[in-house]
Amino acid sequence: MIRRTGLPVRSLRARITVLATVLAAVVSLVLLWLAWTLVGDAVAAVPQLPPGTIVRVDGADIEASLLADHLREHARERVLIAGAVAFCFVVAAAGILAWTFTSRVLRPLREITDTATRLSVESMGERIGELSTRDELAELAHTFDAMLDRLQAAFEAQRHFVANASHELRTPLSVIRTELDVTLSDEHADEAELRRMAGVVRDATERAEQLVGSLLLLARTDGAGLVLTEPVDLAAVADTAWRAVRSEAEGRGLRAEFNLAPAVTTGDAALLERVAGNLLENAVRHNVDGGWLEVATEQGPRRVTLRVRSSGPLIDPATVGELFEPFRRAGVARTARSGAGLGLSIVRAAVQAHGGAVSAEPVVGGGLSVTVHLPASS
């Protein structure tokens, strides 16, 4: 809650006007003092007359020895009177002009403020647009619009993510609810029917558990820093990940080829194991029966590489980048039962948390090639 204080709120326009007026007043006073000093010095240079000489000045008789002082005081008095009048006019003109021109100069800033005030989650599409000026305020407006574009994209991505996550979680819960309702409504359900229902509920529960675990892992890695760092060999990580999916790959008749050279990086071993695990799981589960997969690691002077290529369905090159978005799967429907569609999203988040980069490209004839680049261990 924001509390208002009793102090008056000064606008930027008022502050600039006051500053300009004060500056004009100070400059005017300095000029007036210089004029007053110069007039006095000029009068002091009047030639001296012989003592006892009487001079008439402005209808008054002045003795010669007092003439210089009389002229000095008279000239300074005239300068002060004229200077005071000029001072008042200059200060008033400075205040009026500053107030008027400041209003025009700050008009783009008011537009920016008004737009920011009107913005909300429902009106993120509003923008300031092009301004008539080409100064720093126009650059500020352009930066503000660019920031709004990024925020709107983030909001839309968040909404899309929440909608997809809700849909994915609703599917196993609906299965559980339906199986329970059907079985409980059958008064003659025997042990075999109950076991069948329990098996379906268990599978749906496991799917929901896997989805929740993937969401938690994605939340942990997406934009988060690393808590634990240690030397990690990607070759060993890839070998461990292969052992976890080897039986499934052999059951589908997949041919696997490995070229695992030592490739040491520094990072979180658990996250890097999940990176390799997700890539190999995708390569096996989204493959075709009797297909192939290739896994390679490489050590470079500044970075290490993990590459997983596999056969599979044809993928449109224009949609490859979308595979790293949550709930996107290669070649299968978003609501398919194989996986949650978060594997490559977790890979990208984990790789970015390690300061690396990940890319993908379709394989000619069908399939996908994913390449991970990570900084080499120093």
Protein backbone atom coordinates (compact mmCIF):
# COMPACT_ATOMS: atom_id res chain seq x y z
CA MET A 1 0.00 0.00 0.00
CA ILE A 2 1.37 3.41 -0.96
CA ARG A 3 1.02 6.18 1.62
CA ARG A 4 0.83 9.75 0.54
CA THR A 5 2.84 12.29 2.48
CA GLY A 6 1.76 15.81 3.28
CA LEU A 7 4.50 17.32 1.12
CA PRO A 8 3.38 18.91 -2.15
CA VAL A 9 4.25 16.93 -5.25
CA ARG A 10 6.29 19.08 -7.62
CA SER A 11 6.03 18.27 -11.26
CA LEU A 12 9.08 18.11 -13.46
CA ARG A 13 7.72 21.05 -15.42
CA ALA A 14 7.55 23.22 -12.29
CA ARG A 15 11.05 22.24 -11.18
CA ILE A 16 12.55 23.04 -14.57
CA THR A 17 10.73 26.40 -14.63
CA VAL A 18 11.98 27.30 -11.17
CA LEU A 19 15.51 26.25 -12.07
CA ALA A 20 15.50 28.30 -15.28
CA THR A 21 14.07 31.32 -13.47
CA VAL A 22 16.64 31.15 -10.67
CA LEU A 23 19.44 30.78 -13.22
CA ALA A 24 18.20 33.82 -15.15
CA ALA A 25 17.96 35.81 -11.89
CA VAL A 26 21.51 34.90 -10.87
CA VAL A 27 22.91 35.81 -14.29
CA SER A 28 20.99 39.10 -14.26
CA LEU A 29 22.32 39.97 -10.82
CA VAL A 30 25.87 39.23 -11.93
CA LEU A 31 25.46 41.46 -15.00
CA LEU A 32 23.93 44.22 -12.87
CA TRP A 33 26.84 44.07 -10.45
CA LEU A 34 29.33 44.22 -13.33
CA ALA A 35 27.53 47.26 -14.81
CA TRP A 36 27.49 48.99 -11.41
CA THR A 37 31.24 48.35 -10.99
CA LEU A 38 32.17 49.41 -14.52
CA VAL A 39 30.17 52.65 -14.25
CA GLY A 40 31.98 53.52 -11.03
CA ASP A 41 35.35 52.84 -12.59
CA ALA A 42 34.49 54.85 -15.69
CA VAL A 43 33.46 57.90 -13.67
CA ALA A 44 36.63 57.68 -11.59
CA ALA A 45 38.59 58.28 -14.80
CA VAL A 46 37.08 61.80 -15.26
CA PRO A 47 39.90 64.43 -15.57
CA GLN A 48 40.62 66.39 -12.37
CA LEU A 49 39.88 70.17 -12.40
CA PRO A 50 41.88 72.80 -10.50
CA PRO A 51 40.92 73.02 -6.81
CA GLY A 52 38.26 75.63 -6.02
CA THR A 53 36.62 75.34 -9.45
CA ILE A 54 32.80 75.30 -9.35
CA VAL A 55 31.00 73.06 -11.84
CA ARG A 56 27.24 73.13 -12.45
CA VAL A 57 25.77 69.60 -12.78
CA ASP A 58 22.00 69.06 -13.18
CA GLY A 59 21.29 72.59 -11.91
CA ALA A 60 23.52 72.25 -8.86
CA ASP A 61 26.93 73.84 -8.24
CA ILE A 62 29.54 71.22 -7.36
CA GLU A 63 33.06 71.96 -6.16
CA ALA A 64 35.67 70.36 -8.42
CA SER A 65 37.09 68.04 -5.73
CA LEU A 66 33.62 66.50 -5.21
CA LEU A 67 32.73 66.21 -8.86
CA ALA A 68 33.98 62.62 -9.33
CA ASP A 69 32.12 61.32 -6.27
CA HIS A 70 28.93 63.10 -7.31
CA LEU A 71 29.05 61.65 -10.83
CA ARG A 72 29.84 58.19 -9.53
CA GLU A 73 26.88 58.13 -7.13
CA HIS A 74 24.54 59.60 -9.72
CA ALA A 75 25.59 57.08 -12.42
CA ARG A 76 25.33 54.14 -10.08
CA GLU A 77 21.90 55.23 -8.94
CA ARG A 78 20.70 55.38 -12.54
CA VAL A 79 22.22 51.95 -13.24
CA LEU A 80 20.50 50.45 -10.20
CA ILE A 81 17.09 51.85 -11.15
CA ALA A 82 17.31 50.76 -14.77
CA GLY A 83 18.89 47.45 -13.80
CA ALA A 84 16.14 46.68 -11.27
CA VAL A 85 13.45 47.25 -13.88
CA ALA A 86 15.34 45.15 -16.42
CA PHE A 87 15.93 42.46 -13.78
CA CYS A 88 12.20 42.12 -13.10
CA PHE A 89 11.37 41.87 -16.79
CA VAL A 90 14.13 39.33 -17.48
CA VAL A 91 13.15 37.08 -14.57
CA ALA A 92 9.46 37.23 -15.47
CA ALA A 93 10.19 36.52 -19.13
CA ALA A 94 12.47 33.60 -18.19
CA GLY A 95 9.77 32.06 -16.00
CA ILE A 96 7.04 32.45 -18.64
CA LEU A 97 9.20 31.13 -21.48
CA ALA A 98 10.50 28.22 -19.39
CA TRP A 99 6.96 27.23 -18.37
CA THR A 100 5.71 27.45 -21.97
CA PHE A 101 8.54 25.68 -23.74
CA THR A 102 8.90 23.05 -21.01
CA SER A 103 5.29 22.08 -21.59
CA ARG A 104 6.02 21.41 -25.26
CA VAL A 105 9.27 19.59 -24.55
CA LEU A 106 7.73 17.34 -21.90
CA ARG A 107 4.60 16.49 -23.91
CA PRO A 108 6.15 13.20 -25.21
CA LEU A 109 7.05 12.29 -21.63
CA ARG A 110 3.41 12.80 -20.61
CA GLU A 111 2.37 10.49 -23.44
CA ILE A 112 4.76 7.84 -22.12
CA THR A 113 3.39 8.28 -18.60
CA ASP A 114 -0.22 8.11 -19.74
CA THR A 115 0.45 4.94 -21.72
CA ALA A 116 2.19 3.31 -18.74
CA THR A 117 -0.74 4.29 -16.51
CA ARG A 118 -3.31 2.73 -18.86
CA LEU A 119 -1.37 -0.50 -19.27
CA SER A 120 -2.58 -3.68 -17.64
CA VAL A 121 -2.50 -7.39 -18.40
CA GLU A 122 -5.61 -6.92 -20.54
CA SER A 123 -4.24 -3.94 -22.50
CA MET A 124 -0.64 -4.98 -23.13
CA GLY A 125 -1.11 -4.32 -26.85
CA GLU A 126 -1.10 -0.52 -26.45
CA ARG A 127 2.07 1.29 -27.56
CA ILE A 128 3.40 4.85 -27.57
CA GLY A 129 4.36 4.76 -31.23
CA GLU A 130 6.45 7.28 -33.10
CA LEU A 131 6.93 10.72 -31.54
CA SER A 132 7.28 13.98 -33.40
CA THR A 133 10.65 14.61 -31.79
CA ARG A 134 13.94 12.85 -32.56
CA ASP A 135 15.66 13.33 -29.24
CA GLU A 136 16.30 11.29 -26.10
CA LEU A 137 12.57 11.16 -25.30
CA ALA A 138 11.89 9.49 -28.66
CA GLU A 139 14.61 6.95 -27.85
CA LEU A 140 13.01 6.41 -24.44
CA ALA A 141 9.62 5.81 -26.08
CA HIS A 142 11.16 3.31 -28.51
CA THR A 143 12.86 1.49 -25.61
CA PHE A 144 9.61 1.47 -23.66
CA ASP A 145 7.70 0.00 -26.62
CA ALA A 146 10.37 -2.69 -27.07
CA MET A 147 10.08 -3.56 -23.38
CA LEU A 148 6.30 -3.84 -23.74
CA ASP A 149 6.77 -6.17 -26.72
CA ARG A 150 8.94 -8.45 -24.59
CA LEU A 151 6.51 -8.31 -21.66
CA GLN A 152 3.54 -9.09 -23.89
CA ALA A 153 5.38 -12.05 -25.39
CA ALA A 154 6.25 -13.28 -21.89
CA PHE A 155 2.63 -12.92 -20.72
CA GLU A 156 1.32 -14.76 -23.76
CA ALA A 157 3.89 -17.53 -23.36
CA GLN A 158 2.97 -17.82 -19.68
CA ARG A 159 -0.72 -18.05 -20.48
CA HIS A 160 -0.04 -20.65 -23.14
CA PHE A 161 2.14 -22.63 -20.75
CA VAL A 162 -0.47 -22.57 -17.97
CA ALA A 163 -3.21 -23.60 -20.39
CA ASN A 164 -1.15 -26.51 -21.72
CA ALA A 165 -0.06 -27.59 -18.24
CA SER A 166 -3.67 -27.54 -17.07
CA HIS A 167 -4.70 -29.64 -20.04
CA GLU A 168 -1.91 -32.14 -19.51
CA LEU A 169 -2.75 -32.51 -15.81
CA ARG A 170 -6.47 -32.74 -16.50
CA THR A 171 -6.01 -35.75 -18.80
CA PRO A 172 -4.68 -38.25 -16.21
CA LEU A 173 -7.03 -36.88 -13.55
CA SER A 174 -9.98 -37.39 -15.90
CA VAL A 175 -8.85 -40.94 -16.58
CA ILE A 176 -8.61 -41.65 -12.86
CA ARG A 177 -12.01 -40.11 -12.18
CA THR A 178 -13.68 -42.00 -15.04
CA GLU A 179 -12.21 -45.38 -14.07
CA LEU A 180 -13.22 -44.93 -10.45
CA ASP A 181 -16.75 -43.85 -11.32
CA VAL A 182 -17.28 -46.72 -13.78
CA THR A 183 -15.89 -49.36 -11.45
CA LEU A 184 -17.70 -48.11 -8.35
CA SER A 185 -21.00 -47.96 -10.23
CA ASP A 186 -20.66 -51.64 -11.18
CA GLU A 187 -22.02 -53.61 -8.24
CA HIS A 188 -20.86 -56.89 -9.76
CA ALA A 189 -17.26 -55.83 -10.36
CA ASP A 190 -14.97 -58.75 -9.58
CA GLU A 191 -11.34 -58.86 -8.55
CA ALA A 192 -10.12 -58.87 -12.16
CA GLU A 193 -12.09 -55.71 -12.90
CA LEU A 194 -10.75 -54.01 -9.78
CA ARG A 195 -7.20 -54.98 -10.71
CA ARG A 196 -7.69 -53.63 -14.22
CA MET A 197 -9.01 -50.35 -12.78
CA ALA A 198 -6.09 -50.17 -10.34
CA GLY A 199 -3.63 -50.65 -13.20
CA VAL A 200 -5.19 -47.83 -15.24
CA VAL A 201 -5.23 -45.53 -12.21
CA ARG A 202 -1.60 -46.37 -11.46
CA ASP A 203 -0.53 -45.55 -15.04
CA ALA A 204 -2.45 -42.27 -14.97
CA THR A 205 -0.95 -41.41 -11.58
CA GLU A 206 2.56 -42.12 -12.85
CA ARG A 207 1.96 -39.86 -15.84
CA ALA A 208 0.73 -37.06 -13.60
CA GLU A 209 3.72 -37.58 -11.28
CA GLN A 210 6.14 -37.43 -14.21
CA LEU A 211 4.51 -34.24 -15.47
CA VAL A 212 4.67 -32.55 -12.07
CA GLY A 213 8.31 -33.61 -11.69
CA SER A 214 9.13 -32.21 -15.13
CA LEU A 215 7.40 -28.95 -14.29
CA LEU A 216 9.35 -28.65 -11.04
CA LEU A 217 12.62 -29.39 -12.84
CA LEU A 218 11.80 -26.83 -15.53
CA ALA A 219 11.02 -24.23 -12.84
CA ARG A 220 14.33 -25.07 -11.15
CA THR A 221 16.44 -24.68 -14.28
CA ASP A 222 14.62 -21.94 -16.19
CA GLY A 223 16.55 -18.73 -15.44
CA ALA A 224 18.04 -20.07 -12.23
CA GLY A 225 21.67 -20.07 -11.26
CA LEU A 226 23.67 -23.19 -10.52
CA VAL A 227 23.96 -24.22 -6.89
CA LEU A 228 26.49 -27.03 -7.30
CA THR A 229 29.32 -27.04 -9.82
CA GLU A 230 31.91 -29.73 -10.45
CA PRO A 231 33.80 -31.20 -13.41
CA VAL A 232 31.45 -33.36 -15.48
CA ASP A 233 32.44 -35.59 -18.42
CA LEU A 234 29.68 -35.53 -21.03
CA ALA A 235 30.87 -38.90 -22.36
CA ALA A 236 30.23 -40.53 -18.99
CA VAL A 237 26.91 -38.73 -18.67
CA ALA A 238 25.79 -39.92 -22.10
CA ASP A 239 26.84 -43.49 -21.30
CA THR A 240 24.80 -43.43 -18.08
CA ALA A 241 21.78 -42.04 -19.93
CA TRP A 242 22.06 -44.78 -22.58
CA ARG A 243 22.00 -47.55 -19.97
CA ALA A 244 18.66 -46.19 -18.73
CA VAL A 245 16.99 -46.50 -22.16
CA ARG A 246 18.99 -49.35 -23.66
CA SER A 247 16.40 -52.05 -23.01
CA GLU A 248 13.65 -49.94 -24.56
CA ALA A 249 15.80 -49.21 -27.61
CA GLU A 250 16.67 -52.89 -28.07
CA GLY A 251 13.00 -53.80 -27.74
CA ARG A 252 12.23 -51.56 -30.70
CA GLY A 253 15.14 -52.83 -32.74
CA LEU A 254 17.07 -49.54 -32.83
CA ARG A 255 20.68 -49.49 -34.00
CA ALA A 256 22.86 -47.31 -31.78
CA GLU A 257 26.27 -45.86 -32.68
CA PHE A 258 28.46 -44.06 -30.18
CA ASN A 259 31.51 -41.84 -30.58
CA LEU A 260 32.13 -40.76 -27.01
CA ALA A 261 35.37 -38.80 -26.65
CA PRO A 262 36.19 -37.21 -23.27
CA ALA A 263 34.40 -33.84 -23.04
CA VAL A 264 34.74 -32.22 -19.63
CA THR A 265 32.69 -29.21 -18.59
CA THR A 266 31.88 -27.62 -15.24
CA GLY A 267 28.37 -27.62 -13.86
CA ASP A 268 25.60 -29.41 -12.00
CA ALA A 269 26.06 -33.13 -12.61
CA ALA A 270 22.38 -33.93 -11.96
CA LEU A 271 21.17 -31.34 -14.46
CA LEU A 272 23.66 -32.45 -17.11
CA GLU A 273 22.59 -36.06 -16.60
CA ARG A 274 19.01 -34.91 -17.15
CA VAL A 275 20.08 -33.14 -20.36
CA ALA A 276 21.64 -36.30 -21.78
CA GLY A 277 18.78 -38.42 -20.45
CA ASN A 278 16.09 -36.29 -22.08
CA LEU A 279 17.92 -36.26 -25.41
CA LEU A 280 18.34 -40.03 -25.47
CA GLU A 281 14.79 -40.65 -24.25
CA ASN A 282 13.48 -38.47 -27.08
CA ALA A 283 15.75 -40.21 -29.58
CA VAL A 284 14.33 -43.60 -28.53
CA ARG A 285 10.66 -42.80 -27.88
CA HIS A 286 10.14 -40.58 -30.94
CA ASN A 287 12.02 -42.96 -33.22
CA VAL A 288 10.61 -45.51 -35.65
CA ASP A 289 10.82 -49.27 -35.11
CA GLY A 290 14.07 -50.58 -36.57
CA GLY A 291 15.51 -47.07 -36.77
CA TRP A 292 18.88 -45.74 -35.66
CA LEU A 293 20.46 -43.19 -33.34
CA GLU A 294 23.92 -41.68 -33.01
CA VAL A 295 25.50 -40.13 -29.92
CA ALA A 296 28.77 -38.20 -30.04
CA THR A 297 30.78 -36.01 -27.68
CA GLU A 298 33.67 -33.73 -28.61
CA GLN A 299 36.22 -31.72 -26.67
CA GLY A 300 37.18 -28.29 -28.05
CA PRO A 301 39.56 -25.61 -26.80
CA ARG A 302 36.78 -23.45 -25.39
CA ARG A 303 33.66 -25.61 -25.46
CA VAL A 304 32.51 -29.20 -25.41
CA THR A 305 29.78 -30.68 -27.59
CA LEU A 306 27.12 -33.35 -27.12
CA ARG A 307 25.24 -34.35 -30.28
CA VAL A 308 22.32 -36.80 -30.48
CA ARG A 309 20.96 -37.72 -33.93
CA SER A 310 18.15 -40.17 -34.57
CA SER A 311 15.75 -41.33 -37.22
CA GLY A 312 12.07 -40.61 -36.86
CA PRO A 313 9.11 -38.88 -38.49
CA LEU A 314 9.57 -36.03 -40.94
CA ILE A 315 9.81 -32.61 -39.27
CA ASP A 316 9.15 -29.29 -40.93
CA PRO A 317 12.37 -27.20 -40.66
CA ALA A 318 10.24 -24.11 -39.98
CA THR A 319 8.86 -25.69 -36.79
CA VAL A 320 12.08 -27.10 -35.34
CA GLY A 321 12.55 -24.12 -33.04
CA GLU A 322 9.09 -24.72 -31.54
CA LEU A 323 10.21 -28.10 -30.21
CA PHE A 324 12.03 -26.31 -27.38
CA GLU A 325 8.77 -24.76 -26.23
CA PRO A 326 6.86 -26.56 -23.45
CA PHE A 327 4.39 -29.26 -24.51
CA ARG A 328 5.69 -29.51 -28.08
CA ARG A 329 6.59 -32.91 -29.45
CA ALA A 330 8.31 -33.93 -32.66
CA GLY A 331 5.93 -35.58 -35.04
CA VAL A 332 3.24 -36.44 -32.46
CA ALA A 333 0.18 -34.69 -31.13
CA ARG A 334 0.49 -32.47 -28.13
CA THR A 335 -1.83 -34.70 -26.14
CA ALA A 336 0.02 -37.91 -26.91
CA ARG A 337 0.62 -40.23 -23.98
CA SER A 338 4.36 -40.64 -24.58
CA GLY A 339 6.02 -38.04 -22.38
CA ALA A 340 4.87 -34.63 -21.28
CA GLY A 341 6.39 -32.52 -24.04
CA LEU A 342 8.83 -30.87 -21.62
CA GLY A 343 12.03 -32.79 -22.48
CA LEU A 344 13.63 -30.28 -24.83
CA SER A 345 12.32 -27.35 -22.76
CA ILE A 346 14.22 -28.73 -19.77
CA VAL A 347 17.28 -29.31 -21.96
CA ARG A 348 17.29 -25.71 -23.15
CA ALA A 349 16.78 -24.30 -19.64
CA ALA A 350 19.54 -26.47 -18.15
CA VAL A 351 21.99 -25.69 -20.95
CA GLN A 352 21.34 -21.95 -20.67
CA ALA A 353 21.84 -22.16 -16.90
CA HIS A 354 25.33 -23.55 -17.65
CA GLY A 355 26.11 -20.70 -20.06
CA GLY A 356 25.77 -22.93 -23.13
CA ALA A 357 23.58 -23.13 -26.20
CA VAL A 358 21.44 -25.82 -27.80
CA SER A 359 20.20 -26.13 -31.37
CA ALA A 360 18.25 -28.63 -33.44
CA GLU A 361 17.81 -29.43 -37.10
CA PRO A 362 15.80 -32.05 -38.97
CA VAL A 363 17.53 -35.09 -40.42
CA VAL A 364 17.14 -35.76 -44.14
CA GLY A 365 14.64 -38.59 -44.56
CA GLY A 366 13.11 -38.07 -41.11
CA GLY A 367 14.41 -37.58 -37.61
CA LEU A 368 16.06 -34.92 -35.49
CA SER A 369 19.60 -33.85 -34.62
CA VAL A 370 20.13 -31.92 -31.36
CA THR A 371 23.50 -30.32 -30.56
CA VAL A 372 24.49 -29.02 -27.12
CA HIS A 373 27.46 -26.69 -26.66
CA LEU A 374 28.82 -26.04 -23.16
CA PRO A 375 31.88 -24.15 -21.89
CA ALA A 376 34.92 -26.37 -21.50
CA SER A 377 36.24 -26.94 -18.02
CA SER A 378 39.13 -24.60 -17.25
